[in-house]
Amino acid sequence: MNSLEEAMVAESQCINRKGFPAPQEQNSHYFKAMSDSGISIIIPTCNEEAGIARTLETLLAITGRYVDTEIIVCDASSDRTREIVSTFPVVLCRPEKGRSRQMNAGAALARHGILYFLHADTLPPESVIDDILEAVRGGKQAGCFQMQFDDPHPIMALFGWFTRVPLSICRGGDQSLFITRELFRSIGGFNPDMQVMEDIDIIQRIESRSAFHILDSHVVTSARKYHRNGMLRLQAIFGTIHLMYALGADQESIIRYYHENIEW
């Protein structure tokens, strides 16, 4: 059983759009009942009460024009995030904490053939659905968007510019990720044992099976971590984390370095 199937049978509590318990399928036959078309937007959250409403309002305004879309929020918060999310017409899932595990749990509930993973503090372009559908219809099985920060400072604009460059060090989860359900399942989903660099890990595994594409449109993500930690200082820390990962450092060492140096 791969990590995605493990997520599907995990004892997570999920609430559907009407507030009733969502079906918890116990085997892979669940996938056969799902639609091969459309997009499932999956958002992992942990203590995002300050901004999750804005993200969901933006997404609902975009997806309201389409039939085959759904929004799944995978929450592991200790604040009011869950309470806020429950007021929106979205699927609410409450899996074990850990972004990889949360995203796998969301993927296990997804009804559509395309999965789109989006961070809670990132807003997609208004054309996101059309962009992804066009990419997949054109044979692109996985990819991301370029990124801009919600801070016009020239340094932040420069950091955002580099997200168009097809190098691993220029990738990150804030750029979001689209992937066909078939490819996601074939590579085993996100590695549930990774708490840091899980986004780079899955892109590397995607690239072992298929090309990874950077679309022309931009997502807009929060610069809050840069404001708290210093623009250049935080970028240097991220560079060090990429280097540690590339040199084969274990997760414990990377996580310890992350928590010792980055203020949330």
Foldseek 3Di string as FASTA:
>chain_A
DFLLLVLLQDPKFKAALVRDTDDRDNGPVVLVQFAAAAEEEEEEDEPPVPQQLVQVVLVCVLCVVDDRYAYEYAYAYPDCPVVSCSVHRHMYIDDDDAVQSSRSNSLSPDRYFKYKYAYSQKHFDSCVRVQVVVCVVVPAFKEFEQEAEPDPPPLRRVLSVLCQPPDLLNDDCNRIMMGTSVLCVVLRGFDRVARPCSVSVVQVSSVVPGDYDYDHGYMYGYCVQCVVQPVVQVSVLSVVLVVCVVVPHDRVVSVVSCVVRTDD
